[in-house]
Structure formats: C-alpha cells, structure tokens
Protein backbone atom coordinates (compact mmCIF):
# COMPACT_ATOMS: atom_id res chain seq x y z
CA MET A 1 110.91 91.89 145.26
CA PRO A 2 112.57 88.73 146.65
CA TYR A 3 116.28 88.33 147.28
CA LYS A 4 118.28 86.05 145.02
CA ASN A 5 117.56 82.38 145.86
CA GLU A 6 114.93 83.46 148.40
CA VAL A 7 111.96 81.07 148.60
CA ALA A 8 108.56 82.71 148.82
CA ASN A 9 106.41 82.23 151.91
CA LYS A 10 103.68 79.72 151.00
CA THR A 11 101.13 81.45 153.25
CA SER A 12 101.82 85.10 152.37
CA HIS A 13 98.74 85.23 150.14
CA PHE A 14 96.38 84.61 153.07
CA ASP A 15 96.32 88.30 154.02
CA ILE A 16 95.24 89.21 150.50
CA VAL A 17 92.55 86.53 150.33
CA LYS A 18 91.06 87.56 153.70
CA ASN A 19 91.24 91.31 153.06
CA PRO A 20 87.64 92.63 152.71
CA GLU A 21 88.86 95.56 150.60
CA VAL A 22 90.18 93.13 147.99
CA ALA A 23 86.85 91.30 147.84
CA GLU A 24 84.99 94.60 147.60
CA PHE A 25 87.22 95.76 144.76
CA ILE A 26 86.75 92.56 142.75
CA LYS A 27 82.96 92.78 143.13
CA SER A 28 83.01 96.37 141.87
CA CYS A 29 84.75 95.41 138.61
CA ASP A 30 82.83 94.91 135.40
CA TYR A 31 84.20 92.72 132.65
CA ILE A 32 83.19 90.42 129.82
CA LYS A 33 81.40 87.34 131.14
CA VAL A 34 80.59 83.91 129.73
CA PRO A 35 77.11 84.30 128.19
CA SER A 36 74.17 82.01 128.75
CA GLU A 37 72.70 80.22 125.73
CA ALA A 38 70.03 82.89 125.36
CA GLU A 39 72.59 85.68 125.67
CA GLY A 40 74.93 83.95 123.20
CA LYS A 41 72.19 83.66 120.59
CA LYS A 42 71.25 87.31 121.17
CA MET A 43 74.86 88.35 120.53
CA CYS A 44 74.83 86.56 117.17
CA GLU A 45 71.59 88.08 115.84
CA ASP A 46 73.32 90.87 113.93
CA PHE A 47 75.70 88.56 112.04
CA LYS A 48 74.93 88.41 108.33
CA ALA A 49 75.01 85.40 106.06
CA ILE A 50 77.76 85.57 103.47
CA GLU A 51 78.07 83.42 100.37
CA ASN A 52 81.42 81.80 99.82
CA VAL A 53 81.73 83.00 96.25
CA LYS A 54 85.00 81.90 94.70
CA SER A 55 87.11 84.70 93.27
CA ASP A 56 89.73 84.54 90.53
CA LYS A 57 91.18 87.89 91.58
CA LEU A 58 93.06 86.86 94.68
CA PRO A 59 96.61 88.25 94.94
CA ASP A 60 99.45 86.01 93.76
CA ASN A 61 101.76 87.00 96.62
CA ILE A 62 101.12 87.47 100.33
CA ILE A 63 103.56 89.18 102.66
CA SER A 64 102.88 88.41 106.30
CA ILE A 65 104.55 90.48 109.02
CA ASP A 66 105.11 89.72 112.69
CA GLY A 67 107.52 90.92 115.36
CA SER A 68 109.14 89.82 118.60
CA PHE A 69 111.37 91.45 121.23
CA TYR A 70 113.61 90.41 124.10
CA GLU A 71 115.72 92.05 126.80
CA ALA A 72 119.03 90.29 127.47
CA SER A 73 121.14 90.74 130.59
CA ILE A 74 124.82 91.30 129.79
CA SER A 75 125.97 89.42 132.88
CA ASP A 76 124.66 87.13 135.59
CA GLU A 77 126.28 89.49 138.09
CA LEU A 78 124.53 92.54 136.52
CA PRO A 79 121.00 91.31 135.72
CA SER A 80 119.57 94.84 135.56
CA THR A 81 122.01 95.91 132.83
CA LYS A 82 120.31 94.92 129.61
CA ILE A 83 120.43 95.10 125.83
CA GLY A 84 117.18 95.04 123.86
CA TYR A 85 116.53 93.06 120.69
CA VAL A 86 113.64 93.52 118.28
CA LYS A 87 113.10 91.12 115.40
CA ILE A 88 110.70 91.81 112.53
CA GLY A 89 109.85 88.87 110.28
CA ASN A 90 108.56 89.25 106.72
CA MET A 91 107.26 86.04 105.17
CA LEU A 92 106.51 85.91 101.43
CA ILE A 93 104.06 83.20 100.37
CA LYS A 94 103.32 82.56 96.71
CA ARG A 95 99.76 81.27 96.41
CA LYS A 96 100.47 78.99 93.45
CA GLU A 97 103.25 77.20 95.33
CA TYR A 98 101.15 76.97 98.48
CA ASN A 99 98.12 75.55 96.67
CA LYS A 100 100.22 72.79 95.10
CA LEU A 101 100.71 71.36 98.59
CA GLY A 102 97.00 70.74 99.01
CA LYS A 103 96.70 68.55 95.91
CA ASN A 104 98.45 65.65 97.57
CA ARG A 105 97.02 63.49 100.32
CA PHE A 106 100.27 63.70 102.23
CA VAL A 107 102.09 67.03 102.36
CA ASP A 108 105.81 66.82 101.65
CA PRO A 109 107.60 68.40 104.67
CA PHE A 110 110.53 69.35 102.46
CA GLU A 111 108.22 71.39 100.25
CA VAL A 112 106.80 73.12 103.32
CA SER A 113 110.31 73.90 104.55
CA LYS A 114 111.00 75.80 101.32
CA PHE A 115 108.77 78.58 102.61
CA GLN A 116 111.52 79.34 105.10
CA ASN A 117 113.66 80.49 102.19
CA ASN A 118 111.15 83.29 101.59
CA ASN A 119 111.48 84.58 105.14
CA LEU A 120 113.38 87.82 105.66
CA SER A 121 113.94 89.04 109.18
CA MET A 122 115.41 92.29 110.46
CA THR A 123 117.07 92.57 113.85
CA PHE A 124 117.35 95.84 115.75
CA THR A 125 119.58 96.17 118.80
CA PHE A 126 119.20 98.84 121.49
CA PRO A 127 120.73 99.84 124.81
CA SER A 128 117.87 98.92 127.10
CA SER A 129 118.64 99.39 130.80
CA ASN A 130 121.51 100.88 132.78
CA ILE A 131 123.75 101.14 129.72
CA VAL A 132 124.92 103.82 127.28
CA THR A 133 126.74 103.76 123.96
CA LYS A 134 130.03 105.52 123.31
CA GLY A 135 129.74 109.24 122.64
CA THR A 136 126.47 109.74 124.53
CA ASP A 137 125.74 110.84 128.09
CA SER A 138 122.51 109.00 128.87
CA LEU A 139 120.49 105.93 127.98
CA LYS A 140 117.83 108.12 126.43
CA ASP A 141 120.33 109.75 124.06
CA SER A 142 121.91 106.38 123.32
CA PHE A 143 118.53 104.94 122.39
CA ARG A 144 117.72 107.91 120.15
CA LYS A 145 121.04 107.65 118.36
CA GLU A 146 120.79 103.89 117.79
CA LEU A 147 117.18 104.08 116.67
CA ASP A 148 117.96 106.59 113.94
CA LYS A 149 121.18 104.82 112.95
CA GLN A 150 119.47 101.48 112.48
CA LEU A 151 116.49 102.88 110.57
CA LEU A 152 119.03 104.49 108.23
CA LYS A 153 121.05 101.27 107.88
CA LYS A 154 118.03 99.08 107.08
CA ARG A 155 117.74 99.73 103.37
CA THR A 156 116.87 97.89 100.17
CA LYS A 157 119.95 99.07 98.29
CA GLU A 158 123.10 99.23 100.37
CA ASN A 159 124.53 102.27 98.55
CA ASP A 160 121.28 104.26 98.43
CA TYR A 161 120.11 105.66 101.78
CA LYS A 162 116.90 106.83 100.09
CA THR A 163 115.79 103.17 100.12
CA SER A 164 116.05 103.07 103.92
CA LEU A 165 113.31 102.65 106.50
CA ARG A 166 114.12 106.12 107.73
CA THR A 167 113.26 107.61 104.35
CA THR A 168 109.94 105.77 104.48
CA LEU A 169 109.32 107.56 107.78
CA PHE A 170 109.85 110.87 105.95
CA HIS A 171 107.22 109.88 103.37
CA LEU A 172 104.69 109.06 106.07
CA ALA A 173 105.42 112.13 108.19
CA ALA A 174 104.85 114.37 105.14
CA LEU A 175 101.17 113.30 105.26
CA ARG A 176 100.52 114.51 108.82
CA LEU A 177 97.60 116.92 109.17
CA ASP A 178 98.08 117.84 112.84
CA GLY A 179 100.17 120.92 112.05
CA ARG A 180 103.37 118.90 112.00
CA GLY A 181 103.24 117.58 108.46
CA THR A 182 105.52 119.28 105.94
CA GLY A 183 103.97 118.01 102.70
CA ASP A 184 107.59 117.45 101.61
CA THR A 185 109.00 113.92 101.63
CA ASN A 186 112.49 115.35 102.09
CA LYS A 187 111.63 117.14 105.34
CA ILE A 188 110.38 116.07 108.74
CA ARG A 189 109.18 118.24 111.61
CA ILE A 190 110.07 117.46 115.23
CA TYR A 191 107.44 118.66 117.69
CA ARG A 192 110.00 119.55 120.37
CA CYS A 193 113.68 119.04 120.99
CA PRO A 194 114.30 115.88 123.08
CA ASN A 195 117.32 117.42 124.78
CA GLU A 196 116.64 118.49 128.34
CA GLU A 197 116.40 122.20 129.13
CA CYS A 198 115.85 123.04 125.46
CA GLU A 199 112.60 124.71 124.51
CA GLY A 200 112.99 124.30 120.75
CA ARG A 201 109.74 123.61 118.93
CA ASN A 202 108.75 122.54 115.38
CA ILE A 203 112.30 121.83 114.23
CA GLU A 204 112.62 120.81 110.57
CA LEU A 205 115.19 118.19 109.57
CA LEU A 206 116.24 116.99 106.13
CA ASP A 207 116.49 113.46 104.78
CA ILE A 208 120.29 113.42 104.66
CA GLU A 209 122.91 111.09 106.10
CA GLU A 210 124.86 113.80 107.92
CA GLN A 211 124.27 114.48 111.63
CA GLN A 212 121.87 117.38 112.25
CA TYR A 213 121.64 119.61 115.29
CA CYS A 214 118.96 121.52 117.12
CA PRO A 215 119.15 125.21 116.09
CA HIS A 216 118.39 126.23 119.68
CA CYS A 217 120.62 124.07 121.91
CA HIS A 218 122.98 122.85 119.15
CA LYS A 219 122.84 119.28 120.42
CA PRO A 220 122.29 116.24 118.15
CA ILE A 221 118.75 115.71 116.93
CA TYR A 222 117.44 112.91 114.73
CA PRO A 223 114.59 112.53 112.22
CA SER A 224 113.28 109.49 114.11
CA ASP A 225 112.80 111.70 117.20
CA CYS A 226 109.39 112.41 115.64
CA LEU A 227 108.28 109.00 116.97
CA ARG A 228 108.90 110.29 120.51
CA LEU A 229 109.88 106.84 121.75
CA TRP A 230 112.57 108.47 123.86
CA GLU A 231 109.80 109.73 126.16
CA GLU A 232 109.25 106.14 127.33
CA VAL A 233 112.92 105.26 127.91
CA TYR A 234 114.01 104.78 131.52
CA GLU A 235 117.62 104.86 132.66
CA TYR A 236 117.73 102.16 135.34
CA GLN A 237 114.81 99.82 134.77
CA SER A 238 113.38 97.48 132.15
CA ASN A 239 112.49 99.07 128.83
CA THR A 240 110.36 96.28 127.40
CA SER A 241 107.51 98.77 126.91
CA VAL A 242 109.49 100.93 124.47
CA LEU A 243 110.82 97.82 122.71
CA SER A 244 107.22 96.68 122.28
CA ARG A 245 106.23 100.11 120.93
CA PHE A 246 109.06 100.06 118.41
CA MET A 247 108.18 96.52 117.33
CA LEU A 248 104.58 97.58 116.70
CA ILE A 249 105.69 100.60 114.66
CA MET A 250 107.96 98.47 112.48
CA GLU A 251 105.25 95.88 111.87
CA HIS A 252 103.02 98.60 110.46
CA MET A 253 105.71 100.55 108.62
CA MET A 254 107.10 97.56 106.70
CA PRO A 255 104.20 97.31 104.19
CA ILE A 256 104.52 101.01 103.39
CA HIS A 257 108.26 100.60 102.98
CA TYR A 258 107.80 97.74 100.53
CA ILE A 259 105.14 99.63 98.56
CA ARG A 260 107.28 102.77 98.35
CA VAL A 261 110.47 100.98 97.28
CA MET A 262 108.64 98.81 94.74
CA LYS A 263 107.09 101.87 93.16
CA GLU A 264 110.33 103.85 93.05
CA THR A 265 112.50 101.00 91.75
CA ASN A 266 109.99 99.51 89.26
CA LYS A 267 108.56 102.62 87.65
CA GLU A 268 107.32 100.80 84.57
CA SER A 269 105.81 97.72 86.21
CA TYR A 270 105.04 98.66 89.83
CA ALA A 271 101.26 98.79 89.26
CA ASN A 272 101.18 95.21 88.03
CA ILE A 273 103.37 94.06 90.93
CA LEU A 274 101.39 95.82 93.65
CA SER A 275 97.99 94.77 92.29
CA LYS A 276 98.96 91.13 92.85
CA LEU A 277 100.09 91.70 96.41
CA SER A 278 98.48 91.39 99.83
CA PHE A 279 99.82 92.38 103.24
CA ILE A 280 98.74 90.60 106.42
CA ILE A 281 99.81 92.05 109.75
CA ASP A 282 99.59 90.23 113.06
CA GLY A 283 97.16 92.19 115.22
CA PRO A 284 94.68 95.03 114.73
CA LEU A 285 95.32 97.78 112.22
CA ALA A 286 96.18 100.34 114.87
CA ILE A 287 99.19 102.11 116.37
CA PHE A 288 99.25 103.21 119.99
CA GLY A 289 101.41 105.45 122.14
CA THR A 290 103.53 108.45 121.17
CA ALA A 291 103.69 107.40 117.50
CA ALA A 292 99.92 106.91 117.12
CA TRP A 293 99.90 109.73 114.55
CA LEU A 294 101.39 107.25 112.06
CA HIS A 295 98.06 105.45 111.76
CA ALA A 296 96.44 108.31 109.82
CA CYS A 297 99.47 108.64 107.53
CA ILE A 298 99.42 104.91 106.71
CA MET A 299 95.71 105.15 105.97
CA LYS A 300 96.30 108.05 103.56
CA TYR A 301 99.29 106.43 101.91
CA VAL A 302 97.46 103.18 101.15
CA TYR A 303 94.36 105.09 99.97
CA ASN A 304 96.50 107.09 97.55
CA ILE A 305 98.28 104.05 96.11
CA ASN A 306 95.04 102.08 95.77
CA LYS A 307 93.34 104.98 94.03
CA GLU A 308 96.31 105.20 91.68
CA LEU A 309 96.05 101.48 90.92
CA LYS A 310 92.30 101.69 90.29
CA ASP A 311 92.70 104.69 88.00
CA MET A 312 95.22 102.66 85.98
CA GLY A 313 92.82 99.71 85.72
CA PHE A 314 94.54 97.47 88.28
CA ASP A 315 93.26 95.74 91.43
CA GLU A 316 93.83 97.29 94.84
CA ILE A 317 96.30 95.96 97.41
CA LEU A 318 94.60 93.77 100.00
CA TYR A 319 95.72 95.11 103.38
CA LEU A 320 94.65 93.10 106.44
CA GLY A 321 95.26 92.53 110.11
CA VAL A 322 94.51 89.19 111.80
CA GLN A 323 94.01 89.16 115.55
CA LYS A 324 94.99 85.90 117.20
CA THR A 325 94.95 87.35 120.74
CA GLY A 326 93.25 90.18 122.58
CA GLN A 327 89.70 91.15 123.54
CA ILE A 328 88.00 90.22 120.28
CA ALA A 329 89.88 86.92 120.00
CA GLU A 330 88.70 86.02 123.51
CA TYR A 331 85.16 87.16 122.79
CA ILE A 332 84.70 85.05 119.67
CA LYS A 333 85.50 81.92 121.69
CA LEU A 334 82.48 82.69 123.88
CA ILE A 335 80.02 83.01 121.00
CA ASP A 336 81.49 80.39 118.66
CA LYS A 337 79.03 77.62 119.59
CA TYR A 338 76.02 79.91 119.10
CA LEU A 339 77.10 81.27 115.71
CA ASP A 340 76.06 79.61 112.47
CA LYS A 341 78.60 78.96 109.71
CA ASN A 342 79.14 81.40 106.84
CA ARG A 343 78.43 84.46 108.95
CA ILE A 344 80.19 87.81 109.01
CA PHE A 345 79.84 90.87 111.22
CA LEU A 346 81.27 94.35 111.02
CA ILE A 347 81.89 95.35 114.64
CA ASP A 348 80.29 98.71 115.33
CA ASP A 349 80.96 100.78 118.42
CA ASP A 350 77.56 100.06 120.04
CA TYR A 351 78.11 96.31 119.81
CA ARG A 352 81.69 96.58 121.05
CA TYR A 353 80.78 98.63 124.12
CA LYS A 354 77.79 96.40 124.89
CA TYR A 355 79.38 92.96 124.56
CA ILE A 356 83.16 93.05 123.98
CA SER A 357 84.15 95.97 126.23
CA PRO A 358 81.05 96.32 128.43
CA ASN A 359 80.23 99.43 130.42
CA ARG A 360 83.11 101.47 129.02
CA ASP A 361 82.50 105.10 128.14
CA PRO A 362 82.01 105.21 124.36
CA ALA A 363 84.51 107.39 122.55
CA SER A 364 82.81 110.65 121.60
CA LYS A 365 84.28 110.60 118.09
CA GLY A 366 84.27 106.86 117.60
CA LEU A 367 86.52 104.05 118.77
CA GLY A 368 90.18 104.41 117.86
CA ARG A 369 89.80 107.87 116.39
CA GLU A 370 93.47 108.57 117.11
CA THR A 371 94.83 105.04 116.73
CA TYR A 372 92.91 102.71 114.36
CA TYR A 373 93.25 102.71 110.58
CA GLY A 374 91.24 99.55 109.91
CA GLN A 375 87.76 98.16 110.56
CA ASP A 376 87.35 95.03 112.69
CA PHE A 377 85.27 92.08 111.48
CA ILE A 378 84.27 88.68 112.87
CA TYR A 379 83.90 85.86 110.36
CA LYS A 380 82.92 82.18 110.64
CA ASN A 381 83.55 80.14 107.50
CA ASP A 382 81.77 77.10 106.06
CA LEU A 383 84.05 74.74 108.01
CA GLY A 384 83.19 76.37 111.32
CA LYS A 385 86.49 78.21 111.84
CA ILE A 386 85.98 81.63 113.39
CA LEU A 387 88.39 84.53 112.91
CA SER A 388 88.79 88.16 113.86
CA PHE A 389 90.35 90.32 111.15
CA ALA A 390 90.61 93.96 110.12
CA VAL A 391 90.47 95.62 106.70
CA ILE A 392 92.09 98.98 106.12
CA PHE A 393 89.62 101.87 105.97
CA PRO A 394 88.96 102.72 102.27
CA PHE A 395 89.03 106.46 102.97
CA TYR A 396 91.62 109.21 102.74
CA ASN A 397 90.92 110.53 106.25
CA LYS A 398 88.37 110.48 109.07
CA GLU A 399 86.60 113.70 108.21
CA GLY A 400 83.00 114.28 107.06
CA GLU A 401 80.78 111.20 107.10
CA PHE A 402 83.56 108.82 108.11
CA GLU A 403 81.89 107.51 111.29
CA ARG A 404 78.80 106.51 109.30
CA GLN A 405 80.55 105.31 106.15
CA LYS A 406 83.01 103.06 107.99
CA LEU A 407 80.05 100.96 109.19
CA GLU A 408 78.68 100.27 105.70
CA ILE A 409 80.05 96.93 104.59
CA SER A 410 79.40 97.86 100.95
CA ASN A 411 82.30 100.35 101.19
CA TYR A 412 84.68 97.42 101.68
CA THR A 413 84.51 96.37 98.04
CA LYS A 414 87.12 93.63 98.38
CA ILE A 415 85.50 91.84 101.31
CA ASN A 416 84.71 88.79 99.18
CA GLU A 417 88.37 88.48 98.15
CA VAL A 418 89.39 88.91 101.79
CA VAL A 419 87.10 86.09 102.91
CA ASN A 420 88.34 83.82 100.13
CA LEU A 421 91.94 84.53 101.07
CA LEU A 422 91.26 83.72 104.73
CA ASN A 423 89.55 80.47 103.74
CA GLU A 424 92.41 79.48 101.46
CA PHE A 425 94.99 79.94 104.21
CA LYS A 426 92.99 78.49 107.08
CA CYS A 427 95.20 77.15 109.85
CA ASN A 428 94.27 74.29 112.18
CA LEU A 429 97.52 74.46 114.15
CA TYR A 430 96.67 77.64 116.10
CA GLU A 431 93.41 79.23 117.19
CA ASN A 432 92.35 82.50 115.53
CA SER A 433 95.15 82.38 112.97
CA ILE A 434 95.90 81.69 109.32
CA ILE A 435 98.92 80.10 107.64
CA PRO A 436 100.83 83.31 106.69
CA VAL A 437 100.55 84.73 110.22
CA ALA A 438 101.49 81.39 111.79
CA LEU A 439 104.57 81.08 109.57
CA ALA A 440 105.69 84.67 110.16
CA HIS A 441 105.35 84.12 113.89
CA LYS A 442 107.23 80.82 113.70
CA TYR A 443 110.30 82.41 112.16
CA THR A 444 110.16 85.60 114.23
CA ALA A 445 109.29 84.68 117.80
CA ILE A 446 112.20 84.78 120.26
CA SER A 447 111.71 82.04 122.83
CA PHE A 448 112.87 82.65 126.37
CA GLU A 449 114.53 79.22 126.30
CA PRO A 450 116.73 78.59 124.40
CA GLY A 451 116.48 81.71 122.19
CA GLY A 452 116.56 84.18 125.04
CA ARG A 453 119.51 82.43 126.68
CA VAL A 454 121.46 82.59 123.42
CA LEU A 455 120.92 86.36 123.27
CA ASP A 456 122.05 86.67 126.89
CA LEU A 457 125.29 84.88 126.03
CA LEU A 458 125.75 86.92 122.84
CA SER A 459 125.32 90.21 124.71
CA LYS A 460 127.78 89.09 127.39
CA HIS A 461 130.33 88.00 124.75
CA TYR A 462 130.47 91.34 122.96
CA ILE A 463 130.30 93.46 126.11
CA GLU A 464 133.38 91.68 127.47
CA LYS A 465 135.41 92.26 124.30
C-alpha cells in the first residue's frame, strides 16, 4: 500500500510484465472467449421461437427493488475508522400511469418525475471498521446488535413490531428444512451462539421486543444472528463484503415482507391485491454466503402464496429477477448479433458449463442447489433487445424430479406474461435493463461523488457531537 500523497513508480509494472511465471499463469487460465461467427451461430441453435402474444392479464402494479451500500470514513485523520450505510430502494410503478406516457409523441418530464413519489427507500447504518457502539465490547457484537435493532425498527406500523422486517425473518426461518426450522413463526433457531468461548447450539428465540440471552453463556443473543453475518465482520479492516451480503438479503426479503404484511393487514382483499402485483429484483434470484438458506424458504413461501391464490381463482404473483451485469449479461453481448429476434432460451446446466462458464466442474446436484431459487432465461424481443432474466421456480422444494422439471419451460405457466411485461417496460437508456429496474437503481444508488462525500461529512458530524 502506498503512503499518503506518495506517487507510484511508473515503471514498477515492468517486473510483472517480464515475469515468465505470470505469462505461464495467464496461458493456463480458461475463460469465456469471443466466439467466431460459426461458434456464435452454434450457440444460438437451441433458442426457441416465441410468439409475442399480447396478454390482458398483466399485473397492474410492479414493485422493483434495488440496493446500494457505502463505507464512510468518520475523519480525514482516521480513514480506516468507518461507518457503513446500506440503502434499499422500492419503486412502485402503476402500469396504467406508465402506459399513458407512451401515447404522446413527446413525454412530459414532469409526469415522469411523479414516479419518484412512489419511491420508498430504507437506510440501514452499521459500525463498519475500527468502531464500536456504546454498551458493546467489539465491532462484531456492535454489528449484531445494530442489525437486529434496525430490522426490528423497520416496520409497516410504528406501534406494531409484528409488522417489522425482523418478524418476516421469523416467518421465513420457520420454513427451514435443514434441521433448524421450527415450523413456528413465533420462534427462530440459532445454529450456534455467536459469543466467543460459548458452545451453545440450536438456541431457540422468540419473536419479542425484549432482549434475549444465551442459556449457556448468558450473553445477549439476537434473532437475526441466524443470518450469521457476524462471521464475516472484521474488527480493523473494511467490511464492504458484509454490507454487500446484507444488501443482497434485504433485496430478496423485501418482496416477502410486502406479501406477508399485505395478507395480514388486508384479510378480506389481500388475494385481489396480490394477484395484480409483480416483483422485479435487480440480479439473479439467488442468495449467497452464510444466509444462503433463505433462498429455499423464499421459494417455499412464494409457492404457498401462489397456490393459495390459484385455489381462490386469482392469478399468481409474477416474481422476477433481471440481470443487468454478471456472467450471463456479458455472454449475451457476445451472441446478440447471431441471435434472431423473438427467441427465448431456458439456460440448462450443460449449456452454462459449455458456453457461459466453460470448463467448470458441473455441480453434482445441479447449479445453485444451495443458492438459487429461480430459473435463468435469455430472451430477445421483436425489436432486437436482448435480456437475461430469472423466474422463480414454481415448486415447493428441490426434491424428487426437480432437476428435470425445472428445465421444462411448460412448467413456467406465466412465461408469456413475463415476456409481455419485459417488452412493455423495455429500456433504451441502459443495456440489459428495463424501466422498473433502472428507476429503482436511479433512486437507490449511492454515488462516490458527491453522495459518498456527503455521507463522509454526515458521519464526521455526528461522531464529533
């Protein structure tokens, strides 16, 4: 690492360039390559033609969700002492209002700006590096305490903690089938006590506001410890990785939170409300890291609510992920010019490991067995815009014939509605994106300048008080 104000040596890279071991290493790597015309056409052979059949059953309301995070230094003199910020944006778009914009030759910018009024963002603040909160002895314990506190504070009804994000976590954790699920939405099971030198295992906590303690070491323990994010917290270095993990978890928990609260607070009309709703998440339908177990619970929860809606004669919730970056997003750029319009492809594991992630060892039980809860697709519409998106698996779990059934496009009964929705919200401003995702990102992203600088100043202001 350089000293402050130190200028890098302009020739220091020569040793790396001339090192034969570096050249040998690069030659030994295998990665996705730009295909020839023949290879590009070969890659597109399995894409199927799809008719752009208009549907009158598209959801009236779309909620798009995106997140952003930032680490702010509390002082120029203490750059390694940081506070972490995570922002989760939830953008509601009403299709009828959106479609009115397209009837005019010139779009009224004031009408477009009204969409900002339907944007709700949540901000979470954490001790991030070389800092602790009052009443705790370590950064890890400070992070745990603040995480649980803020999940409990973020609620739909201020005076009802049962409408909090933390209660939604209880509902998801009750569906775990790895021996840690309780089957009770009022209880949560912690795999092991996070407190050092404690060997407590499978500790059950209740969904109450009062502080709870480990029955073995008698130190504070929190329901949100089940996410095990504290395992990735470091005392004296950047914690952007754990901020990123938390952001990802919140992006995927928000739809479940909305569904749960809508059902519990609109007992007479929730089915009608939910059947006219779609959720679009930025990124693949997958959760990684210590909280990956949530993916299976989300899959079960959405399956249950959709089955309930179908049994009552209502349409299912459309639940999507749109990938604007990543491996698939990069891959579709390579094949775009070889792919005909109005084509769709369900990405199976063989294709992925042959073309998108070449020469990787295929997962023995299928890609994303422990992380993914949605199936990836590639779609090119009649205007030539190509997108990568995911649809939630229409199954309760991954048992039985799941690996075969997930590859049958006929099991995704709402794929025509999905395609129509993507076409309706096509976005020319950004590659691999659609309007709801672009808007959610616009009102959520924290820029390094000036947004990041503002957070630096804010952190410094309150620390000095």
